[in-house]
Full PDB file with SEQRES, HELIX, SHEET, SSBOND, CRYST1, ORIGX, SCALE, CONECT and MASTER records, all heavy atoms in Angstrom:
SEQRES   1 A   37  ASP ARG GLU PHE HIS LEU LYS ILE VAL PRO SER ASP VAL          
SEQRES   2 A   37  GLY GLY TYR VAL PHE LEU PRO GLY ASP PRO GLY ARG CYS          
SEQRES   3 A   37  GLU MET ILE ALA ALA ASN PHE ASP ASP ALA HIS                  
HELIX    1 AA1 PRO A   10  ASP A   12  5                                   3    
HELIX    2 AA2 PRO A   23  ARG A   25  5                                   3    
HELIX    3 AA3 CYS A   26  ALA A   30  1                                   5    
CRYST1    1.000    1.000    1.000  90.00  90.00  90.00 P 1           1          
ORIGX1      1.000000  0.000000  0.000000        0.00000                         
ORIGX2      0.000000  1.000000  0.000000        0.00000                         
ORIGX3      0.000000  0.000000  1.000000        0.00000                         
SCALE1      1.000000  0.000000  0.000000        0.00000                         
SCALE2      0.000000  1.000000  0.000000        0.00000                         
SCALE3      0.000000  0.000000  1.000000        0.00000                         
ATOM      1  N   ASP A   1       0.758  -1.279  -0.021  1.00  0.00           N  
ATOM      2  CA  ASP A   1      -0.004   0.009  -0.027  1.00  0.00           C  
ATOM      3  C   ASP A   1       0.828   1.251   0.009  1.00  0.00           C  
ATOM      4  O   ASP A   1       0.299   2.352  -0.378  1.00  0.00           O  
ATOM      5  CB  ASP A   1      -0.977   0.057   1.211  1.00  0.00           C  
ATOM      6  CG  ASP A   1      -1.905  -1.127   1.187  1.00  0.00           C  
ATOM      7  OD1 ASP A   1      -2.326  -1.496   0.115  1.00  0.00           O  
ATOM      8  OD2 ASP A   1      -2.146  -1.671   2.272  1.00  0.00           O  
ATOM      9  N   ARG A   2       2.061   1.176   0.501  1.00  0.00           N  
ATOM     10  CA  ARG A   2       2.850   2.415   0.562  1.00  0.00           C  
ATOM     11  C   ARG A   2       4.364   2.069   0.554  1.00  0.00           C  
ATOM     12  O   ARG A   2       4.695   0.883   0.682  1.00  0.00           O  
ATOM     13  CB  ARG A   2       2.529   3.247   1.842  1.00  0.00           C  
ATOM     14  CG  ARG A   2       2.629   2.542   3.149  1.00  0.00           C  
ATOM     15  CD  ARG A   2       2.011   3.336   4.250  1.00  0.00           C  
ATOM     16  NE  ARG A   2       0.609   3.548   3.979  1.00  0.00           N  
ATOM     17  CZ  ARG A   2       0.077   4.745   3.878  1.00  0.00           C  
ATOM     18  NH1 ARG A   2       0.802   5.834   3.912  1.00  0.00           N  
ATOM     19  NH2 ARG A   2      -1.236   4.928   3.609  1.00  0.00           N  
ATOM     20  N   GLU A   3       5.189   3.058   0.466  1.00  0.00           N  
ATOM     21  CA  GLU A   3       6.672   2.787   0.494  1.00  0.00           C  
ATOM     22  C   GLU A   3       7.060   2.119   1.780  1.00  0.00           C  
ATOM     23  O   GLU A   3       6.630   2.519   2.866  1.00  0.00           O  
ATOM     24  CB  GLU A   3       7.442   4.045   0.262  1.00  0.00           C  
ATOM     25  CG  GLU A   3       7.232   4.726  -1.060  1.00  0.00           C  
ATOM     26  CD  GLU A   3       7.518   3.750  -2.264  1.00  0.00           C  
ATOM     27  OE1 GLU A   3       8.530   3.056  -2.173  1.00  0.00           O  
ATOM     28  OE2 GLU A   3       6.792   3.786  -3.240  1.00  0.00           O  
ATOM     29  N   PHE A   4       7.862   1.077   1.696  1.00  0.00           N  
ATOM     30  CA  PHE A   4       8.156   0.199   2.819  1.00  0.00           C  
ATOM     31  C   PHE A   4       8.811   0.969   3.986  1.00  0.00           C  
ATOM     32  O   PHE A   4       8.496   0.721   5.145  1.00  0.00           O  
ATOM     33  CB  PHE A   4       9.015  -0.980   2.385  1.00  0.00           C  
ATOM     34  CG  PHE A   4       9.337  -1.963   3.458  1.00  0.00           C  
ATOM     35  CD1 PHE A   4       8.300  -2.648   4.063  1.00  0.00           C  
ATOM     36  CD2 PHE A   4      10.638  -2.170   3.840  1.00  0.00           C  
ATOM     37  CE1 PHE A   4       8.680  -3.649   5.082  1.00  0.00           C  
ATOM     38  CE2 PHE A   4      10.992  -3.098   4.787  1.00  0.00           C  
ATOM     39  CZ  PHE A   4       9.962  -3.765   5.414  1.00  0.00           C  
ATOM     40  N   HIS A   5       9.846   1.748   3.614  1.00  0.00           N  
ATOM     41  CA  HIS A   5      10.610   2.435   4.712  1.00  0.00           C  
ATOM     42  C   HIS A   5      10.018   3.802   5.080  1.00  0.00           C  
ATOM     43  O   HIS A   5       9.931   4.168   6.228  1.00  0.00           O  
ATOM     44  CB  HIS A   5      12.068   2.620   4.298  1.00  0.00           C  
ATOM     45  CG  HIS A   5      12.765   1.300   4.058  1.00  0.00           C  
ATOM     46  ND1 HIS A   5      12.707   0.709   2.888  1.00  0.00           N  
ATOM     47  CD2 HIS A   5      13.453   0.479   4.933  1.00  0.00           C  
ATOM     48  CE1 HIS A   5      13.469  -0.414   2.898  1.00  0.00           C  
ATOM     49  NE2 HIS A   5      13.866  -0.582   4.166  1.00  0.00           N  
ATOM     50  N   LEU A   6       9.628   4.624   4.080  1.00  0.00           N  
ATOM     51  CA  LEU A   6       9.175   5.969   4.290  1.00  0.00           C  
ATOM     52  C   LEU A   6       7.730   6.043   4.707  1.00  0.00           C  
ATOM     53  O   LEU A   6       7.299   7.027   5.247  1.00  0.00           O  
ATOM     54  CB  LEU A   6       9.365   6.801   3.040  1.00  0.00           C  
ATOM     55  CG  LEU A   6      10.802   6.962   2.460  1.00  0.00           C  
ATOM     56  CD1 LEU A   6      10.841   7.979   1.392  1.00  0.00           C  
ATOM     57  CD2 LEU A   6      11.780   7.267   3.555  1.00  0.00           C  
ATOM     58  N   LYS A   7       6.938   4.959   4.464  1.00  0.00           N  
ATOM     59  CA  LYS A   7       5.499   4.928   4.821  1.00  0.00           C  
ATOM     60  C   LYS A   7       4.689   6.039   4.132  1.00  0.00           C  
ATOM     61  O   LYS A   7       3.900   6.638   4.747  1.00  0.00           O  
ATOM     62  CB  LYS A   7       5.351   5.002   6.312  1.00  0.00           C  
ATOM     63  CG  LYS A   7       6.138   3.926   7.104  1.00  0.00           C  
ATOM     64  CD  LYS A   7       5.752   2.527   6.730  1.00  0.00           C  
ATOM     65  CE  LYS A   7       6.520   1.496   7.556  1.00  0.00           C  
ATOM     66  NZ  LYS A   7       6.315   0.107   7.055  1.00  0.00           N  
ATOM     67  N   ILE A   8       4.991   6.233   2.874  1.00  0.00           N  
ATOM     68  CA  ILE A   8       4.253   7.264   2.146  1.00  0.00           C  
ATOM     69  C   ILE A   8       3.750   6.760   0.851  1.00  0.00           C  
ATOM     70  O   ILE A   8       4.166   5.674   0.335  1.00  0.00           O  
ATOM     71  CB  ILE A   8       5.197   8.469   1.816  1.00  0.00           C  
ATOM     72  CG1 ILE A   8       6.440   8.036   0.968  1.00  0.00           C  
ATOM     73  CG2 ILE A   8       5.623   9.191   3.061  1.00  0.00           C  
ATOM     74  CD1 ILE A   8       7.347   9.144   0.450  1.00  0.00           C  
ATOM     75  N   VAL A   9       2.820   7.537   0.281  1.00  0.00           N  
ATOM     76  CA  VAL A   9       2.299   7.256  -1.083  1.00  0.00           C  
ATOM     77  C   VAL A   9       2.572   8.632  -1.896  1.00  0.00           C  
ATOM     78  O   VAL A   9       2.914   9.631  -1.349  1.00  0.00           O  
ATOM     79  CB  VAL A   9       0.743   7.008  -1.004  1.00  0.00           C  
ATOM     80  CG1 VAL A   9       0.421   5.692  -0.313  1.00  0.00           C  
ATOM     81  CG2 VAL A   9      -0.040   8.195  -0.452  1.00  0.00           C  
ATOM     82  N   PRO A  10       2.456   8.517  -3.241  1.00  0.00           N  
ATOM     83  CA  PRO A  10       2.843   9.682  -4.067  1.00  0.00           C  
ATOM     84  C   PRO A  10       2.200  11.036  -3.649  1.00  0.00           C  
ATOM     85  O   PRO A  10       2.835  12.085  -3.694  1.00  0.00           O  
ATOM     86  CB  PRO A  10       2.412   9.274  -5.483  1.00  0.00           C  
ATOM     87  CG  PRO A  10       2.530   7.759  -5.438  1.00  0.00           C  
ATOM     88  CD  PRO A  10       2.149   7.316  -4.092  1.00  0.00           C  
ATOM     89  N   SER A  11       0.962  11.042  -3.159  1.00  0.00           N  
ATOM     90  CA  SER A  11       0.291  12.235  -2.823  1.00  0.00           C  
ATOM     91  C   SER A  11       0.834  12.892  -1.541  1.00  0.00           C  
ATOM     92  O   SER A  11       0.525  14.019  -1.189  1.00  0.00           O  
ATOM     93  CB  SER A  11      -1.205  11.996  -2.655  1.00  0.00           C  
ATOM     94  OG  SER A  11      -1.419  11.067  -1.657  1.00  0.00           O  
ATOM     95  N   ASP A  12       1.721  12.181  -0.830  1.00  0.00           N  
ATOM     96  CA  ASP A  12       2.268  12.642   0.444  1.00  0.00           C  
ATOM     97  C   ASP A  12       3.419  13.658   0.228  1.00  0.00           C  
ATOM     98  O   ASP A  12       3.705  14.369   1.170  1.00  0.00           O  
ATOM     99  CB  ASP A  12       2.702  11.495   1.302  1.00  0.00           C  
ATOM    100  CG  ASP A  12       1.596  10.702   1.891  1.00  0.00           C  
ATOM    101  OD1 ASP A  12       0.532  11.284   2.124  1.00  0.00           O  
ATOM    102  OD2 ASP A  12       1.838   9.476   2.131  1.00  0.00           O  
ATOM    103  N   VAL A  13       4.105  13.595  -0.877  1.00  0.00           N  
ATOM    104  CA  VAL A  13       5.336  14.486  -1.012  1.00  0.00           C  
ATOM    105  C   VAL A  13       5.268  15.290  -2.312  1.00  0.00           C  
ATOM    106  O   VAL A  13       4.535  14.886  -3.306  1.00  0.00           O  
ATOM    107  CB  VAL A  13       6.565  13.567  -1.082  1.00  0.00           C  
ATOM    108  CG1 VAL A  13       6.782  12.953   0.331  1.00  0.00           C  
ATOM    109  CG2 VAL A  13       6.480  12.511  -2.075  1.00  0.00           C  
ATOM    110  N   GLY A  14       5.985  16.362  -2.322  1.00  0.00           N  
ATOM    111  CA  GLY A  14       6.111  17.201  -3.469  1.00  0.00           C  
ATOM    112  C   GLY A  14       7.225  16.753  -4.325  1.00  0.00           C  
ATOM    113  O   GLY A  14       8.061  15.844  -4.025  1.00  0.00           O  
ATOM    114  N   GLY A  15       7.371  17.323  -5.539  1.00  0.00           N  
ATOM    115  CA  GLY A  15       8.451  16.967  -6.451  1.00  0.00           C  
ATOM    116  C   GLY A  15       9.810  17.507  -6.027  1.00  0.00           C  
ATOM    117  O   GLY A  15      10.818  17.021  -6.512  1.00  0.00           O  
ATOM    118  N   TYR A  16       9.813  18.481  -5.127  1.00  0.00           N  
ATOM    119  CA  TYR A  16      11.068  19.140  -4.685  1.00  0.00           C  
ATOM    120  C   TYR A  16      11.258  18.693  -3.182  1.00  0.00           C  
ATOM    121  O   TYR A  16      10.377  19.032  -2.355  1.00  0.00           O  
ATOM    122  CB  TYR A  16      10.963  20.631  -4.766  1.00  0.00           C  
ATOM    123  CG  TYR A  16      10.667  21.118  -6.188  1.00  0.00           C  
ATOM    124  CD1 TYR A  16       9.390  21.191  -6.714  1.00  0.00           C  
ATOM    125  CD2 TYR A  16      11.749  21.352  -7.163  1.00  0.00           C  
ATOM    126  CE1 TYR A  16       9.097  21.588  -7.973  1.00  0.00           C  
ATOM    127  CE2 TYR A  16      11.485  21.772  -8.379  1.00  0.00           C  
ATOM    128  CZ  TYR A  16      10.139  21.941  -8.811  1.00  0.00           C  
ATOM    129  OH  TYR A  16       9.869  22.325 -10.146  1.00  0.00           O  
ATOM    130  N   VAL A  17      12.415  18.173  -2.910  1.00  0.00           N  
ATOM    131  CA  VAL A  17      12.664  17.550  -1.538  1.00  0.00           C  
ATOM    132  C   VAL A  17      14.007  17.945  -0.971  1.00  0.00           C  
ATOM    133  O   VAL A  17      15.034  17.917  -1.725  1.00  0.00           O  
ATOM    134  CB  VAL A  17      12.537  16.058  -1.546  1.00  0.00           C  
ATOM    135  CG1 VAL A  17      12.790  15.509  -0.201  1.00  0.00           C  
ATOM    136  CG2 VAL A  17      11.051  15.660  -1.985  1.00  0.00           C  
ATOM    137  N   PHE A  18      14.052  18.295   0.254  1.00  0.00           N  
ATOM    138  CA  PHE A  18      15.358  18.556   1.006  1.00  0.00           C  
ATOM    139  C   PHE A  18      15.581  17.314   1.814  1.00  0.00           C  
ATOM    140  O   PHE A  18      14.751  16.680   2.428  1.00  0.00           O  
ATOM    141  CB  PHE A  18      15.176  19.764   1.970  1.00  0.00           C  
ATOM    142  CG  PHE A  18      14.855  21.077   1.210  1.00  0.00           C  
ATOM    143  CD1 PHE A  18      13.467  21.404   1.081  1.00  0.00           C  
ATOM    144  CD2 PHE A  18      15.818  21.770   0.706  1.00  0.00           C  
ATOM    145  CE1 PHE A  18      13.118  22.576   0.397  1.00  0.00           C  
ATOM    146  CE2 PHE A  18      15.481  22.959   0.033  1.00  0.00           C  
ATOM    147  CZ  PHE A  18      14.208  23.385  -0.076  1.00  0.00           C  
ATOM    148  N   LEU A  19      16.909  16.939   1.890  1.00  0.00           N  
ATOM    149  CA  LEU A  19      17.360  15.724   2.513  1.00  0.00           C  
ATOM    150  C   LEU A  19      18.376  16.033   3.633  1.00  0.00           C  
ATOM    151  O   LEU A  19      19.594  16.006   3.413  1.00  0.00           O  
ATOM    152  CB  LEU A  19      18.001  14.778   1.482  1.00  0.00           C  
ATOM    153  CG  LEU A  19      17.122  14.295   0.354  1.00  0.00           C  
ATOM    154  CD1 LEU A  19      17.965  13.493  -0.625  1.00  0.00           C  
ATOM    155  CD2 LEU A  19      15.887  13.464   0.881  1.00  0.00           C  
ATOM    156  N   PRO A  20      17.935  16.365   4.859  1.00  0.00           N  
ATOM    157  CA  PRO A  20      18.891  16.436   5.962  1.00  0.00           C  
ATOM    158  C   PRO A  20      19.171  15.050   6.460  1.00  0.00           C  
ATOM    159  O   PRO A  20      18.382  14.125   6.177  1.00  0.00           O  
ATOM    160  CB  PRO A  20      18.086  17.237   7.034  1.00  0.00           C  
ATOM    161  CG  PRO A  20      16.701  16.869   6.751  1.00  0.00           C  
ATOM    162  CD  PRO A  20      16.524  16.625   5.243  1.00  0.00           C  
ATOM    163  N   GLY A  21      20.295  14.870   7.116  1.00  0.00           N  
ATOM    164  CA  GLY A  21      20.558  13.519   7.756  1.00  0.00           C  
ATOM    165  C   GLY A  21      19.697  13.383   9.007  1.00  0.00           C  
ATOM    166  O   GLY A  21      19.119  12.347   9.226  1.00  0.00           O  
ATOM    167  N   ASP A  22      19.679  14.358   9.839  1.00  0.00           N  
ATOM    168  CA  ASP A  22      19.129  14.388  11.161  1.00  0.00           C  
ATOM    169  C   ASP A  22      17.652  14.580  11.163  1.00  0.00           C  
ATOM    170  O   ASP A  22      17.116  15.601  10.663  1.00  0.00           O  
ATOM    171  CB  ASP A  22      19.769  15.436  12.015  1.00  0.00           C  
ATOM    172  CG  ASP A  22      19.276  15.450  13.474  1.00  0.00           C  
ATOM    173  OD1 ASP A  22      18.461  14.599  13.811  1.00  0.00           O  
ATOM    174  OD2 ASP A  22      19.775  16.304  14.232  1.00  0.00           O  
ATOM    175  N   PRO A  23      16.789  13.604  11.617  1.00  0.00           N  
ATOM    176  CA  PRO A  23      15.317  13.845  11.684  1.00  0.00           C  
ATOM    177  C   PRO A  23      14.986  15.083  12.510  1.00  0.00           C  
ATOM    178  O   PRO A  23      13.953  15.700  12.191  1.00  0.00           O  
ATOM    179  CB  PRO A  23      14.813  12.607  12.425  1.00  0.00           C  
ATOM    180  CG  PRO A  23      15.908  11.528  12.181  1.00  0.00           C  
ATOM    181  CD  PRO A  23      17.206  12.277  12.183  1.00  0.00           C  
ATOM    182  N   GLY A  24      15.860  15.463  13.475  1.00  0.00           N  
ATOM    183  CA  GLY A  24      15.549  16.627  14.265  1.00  0.00           C  
ATOM    184  C   GLY A  24      15.588  17.989  13.478  1.00  0.00           C  
ATOM    185  O   GLY A  24      15.075  18.955  14.010  1.00  0.00           O  
ATOM    186  N   ARG A  25      16.212  17.941  12.303  1.00  0.00           N  
ATOM    187  CA  ARG A  25      16.250  19.175  11.500  1.00  0.00           C  
ATOM    188  C   ARG A  25      14.974  19.332  10.609  1.00  0.00           C  
ATOM    189  O   ARG A  25      14.820  20.401  10.055  1.00  0.00           O  
ATOM    190  CB  ARG A  25      17.504  19.227  10.659  1.00  0.00           C  
ATOM    191  CG  ARG A  25      18.740  19.319  11.396  1.00  0.00           C  
ATOM    192  CD  ARG A  25      19.921  19.777  10.519  1.00  0.00           C  
ATOM    193  NE  ARG A  25      21.209  19.696  11.242  1.00  0.00           N  
ATOM    194  CZ  ARG A  25      22.134  18.751  11.016  1.00  0.00           C  
ATOM    195  NH1 ARG A  25      21.872  17.805  10.159  1.00  0.00           N  
ATOM    196  NH2 ARG A  25      23.222  18.745  11.765  1.00  0.00           N  
ATOM    197  N   CYS A  26      14.161  18.349  10.499  1.00  0.00           N  
ATOM    198  CA  CYS A  26      13.060  18.387   9.544  1.00  0.00           C  
ATOM    199  C   CYS A  26      12.070  19.439   9.789  1.00  0.00           C  
ATOM    200  O   CYS A  26      11.636  20.183   8.925  1.00  0.00           O  
ATOM    201  CB  CYS A  26      12.370  16.996   9.462  1.00  0.00           C  
ATOM    202  SG  CYS A  26      13.393  15.716   8.672  1.00  0.00           S  
ATOM    203  N   GLU A  27      11.701  19.536  11.079  1.00  0.00           N  
ATOM    204  CA  GLU A  27      10.696  20.565  11.459  1.00  0.00           C  
ATOM    205  C   GLU A  27      11.241  21.931  11.209  1.00  0.00           C  
ATOM    206  O   GLU A  27      10.501  22.856  10.752  1.00  0.00           O  
ATOM    207  CB  GLU A  27      10.297  20.356  12.904  1.00  0.00           C  
ATOM    208  CG  GLU A  27       9.102  21.268  13.250  1.00  0.00           C  
ATOM    209  CD  GLU A  27       8.560  21.015  14.684  1.00  0.00           C  
ATOM    210  OE1 GLU A  27       9.177  20.097  15.394  1.00  0.00           O  
ATOM    211  OE2 GLU A  27       7.567  21.622  15.049  1.00  0.00           O  
ATOM    212  N   MET A  28      12.533  22.189  11.469  1.00  0.00           N  
ATOM    213  CA  MET A  28      13.149  23.500  11.259  1.00  0.00           C  
ATOM    214  C   MET A  28      13.102  23.879   9.765  1.00  0.00           C  
ATOM    215  O   MET A  28      12.814  24.924   9.368  1.00  0.00           O  
ATOM    216  CB  MET A  28      14.562  23.510  11.775  1.00  0.00           C  
ATOM    217  CG  MET A  28      15.324  24.771  11.461  1.00  0.00           C  
ATOM    218  SD  MET A  28      17.030  24.742  12.043  1.00  0.00           S  
ATOM    219  CE  MET A  28      17.732  23.581  10.910  1.00  0.00           C  
ATOM    220  N   ILE A  29      13.419  22.857   8.930  1.00  0.00           N  
ATOM    221  CA  ILE A  29      13.396  23.076   7.483  1.00  0.00           C  
ATOM    222  C   ILE A  29      11.993  23.347   6.997  1.00  0.00           C  
ATOM    223  O   ILE A  29      11.711  24.234   6.228  1.00  0.00           O  
ATOM    224  CB  ILE A  29      14.007  21.949   6.767  1.00  0.00           C  
ATOM    225  CG1 ILE A  29      15.532  21.803   7.123  1.00  0.00           C  
ATOM    226  CG2 ILE A  29      13.846  22.034   5.252  1.00  0.00           C  
ATOM    227  CD1 ILE A  29      16.265  20.549   6.626  1.00  0.00           C  
ATOM    228  N   ALA A  30      11.028  22.528   7.523  1.00  0.00           N  
ATOM    229  CA  ALA A  30       9.609  22.634   7.068  1.00  0.00           C  
ATOM    230  C   ALA A  30       9.021  23.958   7.492  1.00  0.00           C  
ATOM    231  O   ALA A  30       8.071  24.419   6.842  1.00  0.00           O  
ATOM    232  CB  ALA A  30       8.844  21.524   7.675  1.00  0.00           C  
ATOM    233  N   ALA A  31       9.648  24.584   8.484  1.00  0.00           N  
ATOM    234  CA  ALA A  31       9.083  25.926   8.918  1.00  0.00           C  
ATOM    235  C   ALA A  31       9.232  26.999   7.877  1.00  0.00           C  
ATOM    236  O   ALA A  31       8.552  28.003   7.889  1.00  0.00           O  
ATOM    237  CB  ALA A  31       9.815  26.458  10.206  1.00  0.00           C  
ATOM    238  N   ASN A  32      10.064  26.696   6.836  1.00  0.00           N  
ATOM    239  CA  ASN A  32      10.184  27.614   5.682  1.00  0.00           C  
ATOM    240  C   ASN A  32       9.154  27.412   4.571  1.00  0.00           C  
ATOM    241  O   ASN A  32       9.127  28.170   3.664  1.00  0.00           O  
ATOM    242  CB  ASN A  32      11.536  27.482   5.140  1.00  0.00           C  
ATOM    243  CG  ASN A  32      12.692  27.862   6.028  1.00  0.00           C  
ATOM    244  OD1 ASN A  32      13.017  29.082   6.153  1.00  0.00           O  
ATOM    245  ND2 ASN A  32      13.243  26.887   6.735  1.00  0.00           N  
ATOM    246  N   PHE A  33       8.414  26.328   4.740  1.00  0.00           N  
ATOM    247  CA  PHE A  33       7.346  26.074   3.734  1.00  0.00           C  
ATOM    248  C   PHE A  33       6.070  26.789   4.018  1.00  0.00           C  
ATOM    249  O   PHE A  33       5.840  27.295   5.134  1.00  0.00           O  
ATOM    250  CB  PHE A  33       6.966  24.535   3.732  1.00  0.00           C  
ATOM    251  CG  PHE A  33       8.029  23.591   3.408  1.00  0.00           C  
ATOM    252  CD1 PHE A  33       7.918  22.236   3.732  1.00  0.00           C  
ATOM    253  CD2 PHE A  33       9.204  23.979   2.844  1.00  0.00           C  
ATOM    254  CE1 PHE A  33       8.884  21.346   3.370  1.00  0.00           C  
ATOM    255  CE2 PHE A  33      10.189  23.092   2.569  1.00  0.00           C  
ATOM    256  CZ  PHE A  33      10.071  21.722   2.838  1.00  0.00           C  
ATOM    257  N   ASP A  34       5.228  26.957   3.010  1.00  0.00           N  
ATOM    258  CA  ASP A  34       3.797  27.424   3.235  1.00  0.00           C  
ATOM    259  C   ASP A  34       3.010  26.194   3.531  1.00  0.00           C  
ATOM    260  O   ASP A  34       3.161  25.100   2.910  1.00  0.00           O  
ATOM    261  CB  ASP A  34       3.294  28.156   1.984  1.00  0.00           C  
ATOM    262  CG  ASP A  34       4.055  29.341   1.627  1.00  0.00           C  
ATOM    263  OD1 ASP A  34       4.451  30.060   2.607  1.00  0.00           O  
ATOM    264  OD2 ASP A  34       4.289  29.616   0.402  1.00  0.00           O  
ATOM    265  N   ASP A  35       2.131  26.326   4.551  1.00  0.00           N  
ATOM    266  CA  ASP A  35       1.204  25.276   4.930  1.00  0.00           C  
ATOM    267  C   ASP A  35       1.913  23.922   5.174  1.00  0.00           C  
ATOM    268  O   ASP A  35       1.421  22.877   4.718  1.00  0.00           O  
ATOM    269  CB  ASP A  35       0.101  25.097   3.835  1.00  0.00           C  
ATOM    270  CG  ASP A  35      -0.621  26.349   3.531  1.00  0.00           C  
ATOM    271  OD1 ASP A  35      -0.932  27.010   4.519  1.00  0.00           O  
ATOM    272  OD2 ASP A  35      -0.858  26.706   2.371  1.00  0.00           O  
ATOM    273  N   ALA A  36       2.937  23.970   5.967  1.00  0.00           N  
ATOM    274  CA  ALA A  36       3.683  22.743   6.268  1.00  0.00           C  
ATOM    275  C   ALA A  36       2.863  21.807   7.225  1.00  0.00           C  
ATOM    276  O   ALA A  36       2.228  22.301   8.116  1.00  0.00           O  
ATOM    277  CB  ALA A  36       5.032  23.061   6.867  1.00  0.00           C  
ATOM    278  N   HIS A  37       2.978  20.489   6.968  1.00  0.00           N  
ATOM    279  CA  HIS A  37       2.396  19.556   7.840  1.00  0.00           C  
ATOM    280  C   HIS A  37       3.165  18.299   7.953  1.00  0.00           C  
ATOM    281  O   HIS A  37       3.880  17.959   7.013  1.00  0.00           O  
ATOM    282  CB  HIS A  37       0.871  19.269   7.442  1.00  0.00           C  
ATOM    283  CG  HIS A  37       0.863  18.558   6.094  1.00  0.00           C  
ATOM    284  ND1 HIS A  37       0.886  19.300   4.902  1.00  0.00           N  
ATOM    285  CD2 HIS A  37       0.774  17.279   5.735  1.00  0.00           C  
ATOM    286  CE1 HIS A  37       0.821  18.425   3.876  1.00  0.00           C  
ATOM    287  NE2 HIS A  37       0.765  17.198   4.331  1.00  0.00           N  
TER     288      HIS A  37                                                      
MASTER        0    0    0    3    0    0    0    6  287    1    0    3          
END                                                                             
């Protein structure tokens, strides 16, 4: 039903993606998006 490791389907992500190593940086990066969730 979804990607095995990421647990997502195509509608969950955009075509442009940032890749930090640390999961703790994700929220900080997402704060720069409009309507981040």
